[in-house]
Amino acid sequence: MTTREAKLQLRSKLSHLYPTQEVESITRIIFEEVLLWQPVDIVMRENEELPAFFPEKLNEICERLLRNEPLQYILGKARFHGHSFTVTPAVLIPRPETEQLVDMIVDQNQESDLQVLDIGTGSGCIAISLARALKFAQVTASDISRDTLAVAQLNATNLKTRVKFIEQDILNCHAPMDAWDIIVSNPPYITESEKAAMEPNVLDYEPAGALFVPDNDPMLYYRPIAAYAARALKNGGRLYLEINRAMGALVSDTLAQAGLRNIQVYTDFNGNTRFAIAIKIND
């Protein structure tokens, strides 16, 4: 099998499921992760015979993609903020929008030695990226799931990044006083009624507990996070949240009711309401 034949096989098998641009992206990722090729290699080595193991590997990947399994779970890796993170079905696949949240935090916090907490860390992508990008930050990350924390710890080890991981349920935990300069969280925020509009590769494979909240309580996680932040942030400390694009006003009200100030809502690069920031200001 040549490179060109592999590309044609992917296009033939996947074109009815994915747009052309996405098939091209899948092709690039497969060659990068399986063969360590860069995009230019795919072009320059189009007529080159591929290693003997590759056709079988490619067929396996295609069959799993046809069952709507996310490519990141198939390969066990996802790119985030310039680094490769291990992902398993125990953790959500990191999204580009969340990279934007990390960039926002880094841009707005240029001081050194900040104390940072990531609530519901998942793969650890936010915590690890902040630990690498902020100046000498002391980063702690919490999650309720031991399996999730094991993936996050593996990522920190692989990326040679120091993050303290703790097992903690934000719905039932004690908030220390004035402990953090920054608290960040990307909690579950998709309502059950929104499932109907979601793709099967998300619904069938990604952990539901990290995605969904009841229709009658969409603030299930934002309420305790806001209350925790109101107590645990230092004076002038900031809370950063990723939010449901339909709930900017509701999240803002929740943060205000907790006593947080200077609440602002921001859009992502697609123009969707996606982030909320609030500050703790002592009277």
Protein backbone atom coordinates (compact mmCIF):
# COMPACT_ATOMS: atom_id res chain seq x y z
CA MET A 1 0.00 0.00 0.00
CA THR A 2 1.29 3.43 -0.95
CA THR A 3 0.52 6.70 0.78
CA ARG A 4 -1.81 7.65 -2.06
CA GLU A 5 -3.69 4.35 -1.79
CA ALA A 6 -4.08 4.80 1.97
CA LYS A 7 -5.52 8.28 1.44
CA LEU A 8 -7.96 6.98 -1.17
CA GLN A 9 -9.05 4.16 1.13
CA LEU A 10 -9.80 6.59 3.95
CA ARG A 11 -11.72 8.88 1.60
CA SER A 12 -13.73 5.98 0.16
CA LYS A 13 -14.69 4.52 3.54
CA LEU A 14 -15.35 7.72 5.47
CA SER A 15 -16.73 10.22 2.97
CA HIS A 16 -20.36 9.31 3.70
CA LEU A 17 -19.82 9.98 7.41
CA TYR A 18 -17.52 13.00 7.44
CA PRO A 19 -17.11 16.16 5.34
CA THR A 20 -14.12 16.19 3.00
CA GLN A 21 -12.18 18.60 5.21
CA GLU A 22 -12.66 16.37 8.24
CA VAL A 23 -11.53 13.28 6.31
CA GLU A 24 -8.37 15.19 5.41
CA SER A 25 -7.86 16.08 9.06
CA ILE A 26 -8.38 12.45 10.13
CA THR A 27 -5.85 11.35 7.51
CA ARG A 28 -3.28 13.85 8.75
CA ILE A 29 -3.75 12.76 12.38
CA ILE A 30 -3.47 9.05 11.55
CA PHE A 31 -0.22 9.53 9.65
CA GLU A 32 1.14 11.79 12.39
CA GLU A 33 0.29 9.44 15.27
CA VAL A 34 0.94 6.06 13.62
CA LEU A 35 3.93 6.91 11.41
CA LEU A 36 5.16 10.15 13.03
CA TRP A 37 4.78 11.90 9.67
CA GLN A 38 4.22 15.61 9.25
CA PRO A 39 1.64 16.91 6.71
CA VAL A 40 4.41 17.68 4.23
CA ASP A 41 5.47 14.01 4.31
CA ILE A 42 2.01 12.94 3.16
CA VAL A 43 2.41 15.12 0.09
CA MET A 44 6.07 14.50 -0.68
CA ARG A 45 5.94 10.73 -0.10
CA GLU A 46 2.67 10.06 -1.93
CA ASN A 47 4.03 7.15 -3.99
CA GLU A 48 6.07 5.59 -1.19
CA GLU A 49 5.28 2.08 0.01
CA LEU A 50 4.10 2.16 3.62
CA PRO A 51 5.31 -0.25 6.33
CA ALA A 52 3.85 -3.75 6.21
CA PHE A 53 1.85 -3.27 9.43
CA PHE A 54 0.08 -0.13 8.20
CA PRO A 55 -2.73 -1.57 6.01
CA GLU A 56 -4.05 -3.73 8.88
CA LYS A 57 -3.77 -0.83 11.32
CA LEU A 58 -5.55 1.49 8.90
CA ASN A 59 -8.37 -1.01 8.38
CA GLU A 60 -8.83 -1.36 12.16
CA ILE A 61 -9.01 2.41 12.58
CA CYS A 62 -11.52 2.74 9.74
CA GLU A 63 -13.77 0.02 11.15
CA ARG A 64 -13.83 1.73 14.55
CA LEU A 65 -14.49 5.13 12.99
CA LEU A 66 -17.43 3.59 11.09
CA ARG A 67 -18.86 2.62 14.49
CA ASN A 68 -18.67 6.31 15.43
CA GLU A 69 -15.84 5.81 17.91
CA PRO A 70 -13.86 9.05 18.28
CA LEU A 71 -10.45 8.99 16.62
CA GLN A 72 -8.83 10.28 19.82
CA TYR A 73 -10.01 7.22 21.77
CA ILE A 74 -8.90 4.91 18.97
CA LEU A 75 -5.40 6.38 19.00
CA GLY A 76 -5.42 7.03 22.76
CA LYS A 77 -4.20 10.59 22.22
CA ALA A 78 -5.52 14.11 21.73
CA ARG A 79 -3.73 17.35 20.98
CA PHE A 80 -4.31 20.26 23.35
CA HIS A 81 -2.43 23.52 23.72
CA GLY A 82 0.51 22.25 21.71
CA HIS A 83 0.94 18.94 23.52
CA SER A 84 -0.23 15.34 23.18
CA PHE A 85 -2.48 14.11 25.99
CA THR A 86 -3.43 10.52 26.70
CA VAL A 87 -7.21 10.07 26.58
CA THR A 88 -9.34 7.08 27.50
CA PRO A 89 -13.13 6.66 27.77
CA ALA A 90 -12.71 7.71 31.42
CA VAL A 91 -12.11 11.31 30.33
CA LEU A 92 -13.61 13.81 27.91
CA ILE A 93 -11.73 14.56 24.73
CA PRO A 94 -10.27 18.08 25.08
CA ARG A 95 -11.92 20.70 22.87
CA PRO A 96 -10.39 23.67 21.03
CA GLU A 97 -12.74 26.02 22.90
CA THR A 98 -11.10 24.98 26.15
CA GLU A 99 -7.72 25.93 24.71
CA GLN A 100 -9.17 29.41 24.34
CA LEU A 101 -10.05 29.40 28.03
CA VAL A 102 -6.47 28.47 28.92
CA ASP A 103 -5.15 31.28 26.72
CA MET A 104 -7.49 33.75 28.39
CA ILE A 105 -6.25 32.77 31.84
CA VAL A 106 -2.59 33.04 30.81
CA ASP A 107 -3.12 36.42 29.12
CA GLN A 108 -4.87 37.87 32.17
CA ASN A 109 -2.51 36.52 34.82
CA GLN A 110 1.08 37.52 34.25
CA GLU A 111 2.13 37.42 37.92
CA SER A 112 4.36 34.64 39.22
CA ASP A 113 3.80 32.05 41.95
CA LEU A 114 0.01 31.99 41.61
CA GLN A 115 -2.02 29.37 43.45
CA VAL A 116 -4.33 27.69 40.93
CA LEU A 117 -7.13 25.13 41.31
CA ASP A 118 -8.74 23.21 38.43
CA ILE A 119 -12.06 21.66 39.51
CA GLY A 120 -13.12 18.55 37.57
CA THR A 121 -9.81 18.16 35.82
CA GLY A 122 -10.64 15.22 33.53
CA SER A 123 -7.57 14.49 31.41
CA GLY A 124 -5.71 17.23 33.26
CA CYS A 125 -5.41 19.29 30.09
CA ILE A 126 -6.31 22.62 31.70
CA ALA A 127 -4.25 22.14 34.85
CA ILE A 128 -1.17 20.85 33.03
CA SER A 129 -1.33 23.54 30.35
CA LEU A 130 -1.60 26.26 33.00
CA ALA A 131 1.26 24.76 35.00
CA ARG A 132 3.41 24.91 31.88
CA ALA A 133 2.32 28.40 30.75
CA LEU A 134 1.97 30.43 33.96
CA LYS A 135 5.08 31.70 35.76
CA PHE A 136 6.02 29.34 38.58
CA ALA A 137 2.36 28.60 39.35
CA GLN A 138 1.43 26.07 42.02
CA VAL A 139 -1.37 24.09 40.36
CA THR A 140 -3.77 21.69 42.06
CA ALA A 141 -6.41 19.68 40.18
CA SER A 142 -9.39 17.82 41.60
CA ASP A 143 -11.81 15.21 40.31
CA ILE A 144 -14.32 12.82 41.81
CA SER A 145 -13.13 9.82 39.75
CA ARG A 146 -9.99 7.84 40.57
CA ASP A 147 -9.87 6.46 37.02
CA THR A 148 -9.95 10.01 35.68
CA LEU A 149 -7.25 11.16 38.08
CA ALA A 150 -5.04 8.25 36.98
CA VAL A 151 -5.21 9.50 33.37
CA ALA A 152 -4.50 13.08 34.48
CA GLN A 153 -1.51 11.98 36.56
CA LEU A 154 -0.17 9.97 33.62
CA ASN A 155 -0.39 13.07 31.43
CA ALA A 156 1.42 15.20 34.00
CA THR A 157 4.17 12.56 34.23
CA ASN A 158 4.47 12.22 30.45
CA LEU A 159 4.69 15.98 30.03
CA LYS A 160 7.07 16.35 32.97
CA THR A 161 4.76 18.85 34.66
CA ARG A 162 4.21 19.21 38.38
CA VAL A 163 0.52 19.26 39.33
CA LYS A 164 -0.99 18.12 42.62
CA PHE A 165 -4.02 15.88 42.06
CA ILE A 166 -6.70 15.32 44.71
CA GLU A 167 -9.85 13.21 44.79
CA GLN A 168 -12.71 15.55 45.64
CA ASP A 169 -16.46 15.89 45.03
CA ILE A 170 -17.31 19.55 44.47
CA LEU A 171 -20.90 18.80 45.50
CA ASN A 172 -19.71 17.82 48.98
CA CYS A 173 -16.43 19.38 50.02
CA HIS A 174 -15.08 21.94 52.48
CA ALA A 175 -13.86 25.23 51.04
CA PRO A 176 -10.73 26.70 52.64
CA MET A 177 -10.48 30.42 53.22
CA ASP A 178 -8.47 32.60 50.83
CA ALA A 179 -6.48 29.72 49.32
CA TRP A 180 -6.44 30.37 45.57
CA ASP A 181 -5.56 33.16 43.15
CA ILE A 182 -7.32 31.36 40.30
CA ILE A 183 -10.04 28.73 40.20
CA VAL A 184 -10.99 27.26 36.83
CA SER A 185 -13.59 24.68 35.90
CA ASN A 186 -15.19 23.14 32.84
CA PRO A 187 -18.00 21.24 34.58
CA PRO A 188 -20.88 19.27 33.04
CA TYR A 189 -23.28 21.76 31.45
CA ILE A 190 -25.22 20.05 28.64
CA THR A 191 -28.86 19.48 29.59
CA GLU A 192 -30.50 16.11 29.04
CA SER A 193 -32.90 17.63 26.50
CA GLU A 194 -29.93 18.72 24.36
CA LYS A 195 -28.87 15.10 23.78
CA ALA A 196 -31.10 14.80 20.71
CA ALA A 197 -28.95 17.28 18.80
CA MET A 198 -25.63 15.62 19.65
CA GLU A 199 -23.50 13.35 17.49
CA PRO A 200 -23.34 9.60 18.29
CA ASN A 201 -19.55 9.70 18.64
CA VAL A 202 -20.10 11.86 21.74
CA LEU A 203 -23.23 10.19 23.12
CA ASP A 204 -22.02 6.61 22.69
CA TYR A 205 -18.43 6.97 23.84
CA GLU A 206 -17.65 9.99 26.01
CA PRO A 207 -18.41 9.79 29.77
CA ALA A 208 -21.97 10.99 30.37
CA GLY A 209 -21.18 12.05 33.92
CA ALA A 210 -18.75 14.65 32.59
CA LEU A 211 -21.24 16.02 30.07
CA PHE A 212 -24.82 16.16 31.28
CA VAL A 213 -26.94 17.88 33.91
CA PRO A 214 -30.68 17.53 34.60
CA ASP A 215 -33.04 19.81 32.69
CA ASN A 216 -34.51 21.00 35.99
CA ASP A 217 -31.13 21.91 37.52
CA PRO A 218 -28.65 23.13 34.90
CA MET A 219 -26.70 24.98 37.62
CA LEU A 220 -26.09 21.73 39.51
CA TYR A 221 -22.31 22.22 39.39
CA TYR A 222 -22.02 25.98 38.91
CA ARG A 223 -23.84 26.69 42.18
CA PRO A 224 -21.37 24.81 44.44
CA ILE A 225 -18.39 25.97 42.38
CA ALA A 226 -19.48 29.59 42.80
CA ALA A 227 -20.02 29.10 46.54
CA TYR A 228 -16.62 27.42 46.87
CA ALA A 229 -14.92 30.22 44.94
CA ALA A 230 -16.60 32.92 47.02
CA ARG A 231 -14.93 31.45 50.09
CA ALA A 232 -11.73 29.92 48.76
CA LEU A 233 -10.49 32.64 46.40
CA LYS A 234 -8.12 35.25 47.75
CA ASN A 235 -9.26 38.87 47.64
CA GLY A 236 -9.04 39.84 43.96
CA GLY A 237 -8.85 36.20 42.87
CA ARG A 238 -10.60 35.14 39.68
CA LEU A 239 -12.99 32.32 38.83
CA TYR A 240 -12.93 31.12 35.20
CA LEU A 241 -15.69 28.89 33.83
CA GLU A 242 -16.61 27.22 30.57
CA ILE A 243 -20.38 27.41 30.17
CA ASN A 244 -23.36 26.32 28.09
CA ARG A 245 -23.80 28.83 25.26
CA ALA A 246 -27.51 29.21 26.13
CA MET A 247 -26.95 29.96 29.81
CA GLY A 248 -24.75 33.03 30.06
CA ALA A 249 -27.37 35.00 31.98
CA LEU A 250 -28.19 32.10 34.30
CA VAL A 251 -24.53 31.47 35.13
CA SER A 252 -24.00 35.20 35.73
CA ASP A 253 -26.94 35.28 38.14
CA THR A 254 -25.59 32.22 39.96
CA LEU A 255 -22.16 33.84 40.38
CA ALA A 256 -23.72 37.09 41.61
CA GLN A 257 -25.90 35.25 44.13
CA ALA A 258 -22.74 33.67 45.54
CA GLY A 259 -21.31 37.13 46.15
CA LEU A 260 -18.79 37.26 43.31
CA ARG A 261 -18.26 40.55 41.47
CA ASN A 262 -17.23 42.00 38.10
CA ILE A 263 -18.91 39.16 36.25
CA GLN A 264 -18.22 39.03 32.53
CA VAL A 265 -19.30 36.61 29.82
CA TYR A 266 -17.22 36.00 26.67
CA THR A 267 -17.79 34.31 23.34
CA ASP A 268 -15.58 31.64 21.79
CA PHE A 269 -14.01 31.78 18.31
CA ASN A 270 -17.30 30.50 16.84
CA GLY A 271 -19.23 33.43 18.31
CA ASN A 272 -20.97 31.29 20.94
CA THR A 273 -21.26 32.40 24.56
CA ARG A 274 -18.74 30.07 26.19
CA PHE A 275 -16.86 31.57 29.15
CA ALA A 276 -17.66 33.39 32.36
CA ILE A 277 -15.22 35.19 34.64
CA ALA A 278 -15.90 36.54 38.12
CA ILE A 279 -13.77 38.15 40.83
CA LYS A 280 -13.88 37.87 44.59
CA ILE A 281 -13.76 41.29 46.17
CA ASN A 282 -13.86 41.61 49.92
CA ASP A 283 -15.95 44.50 51.25
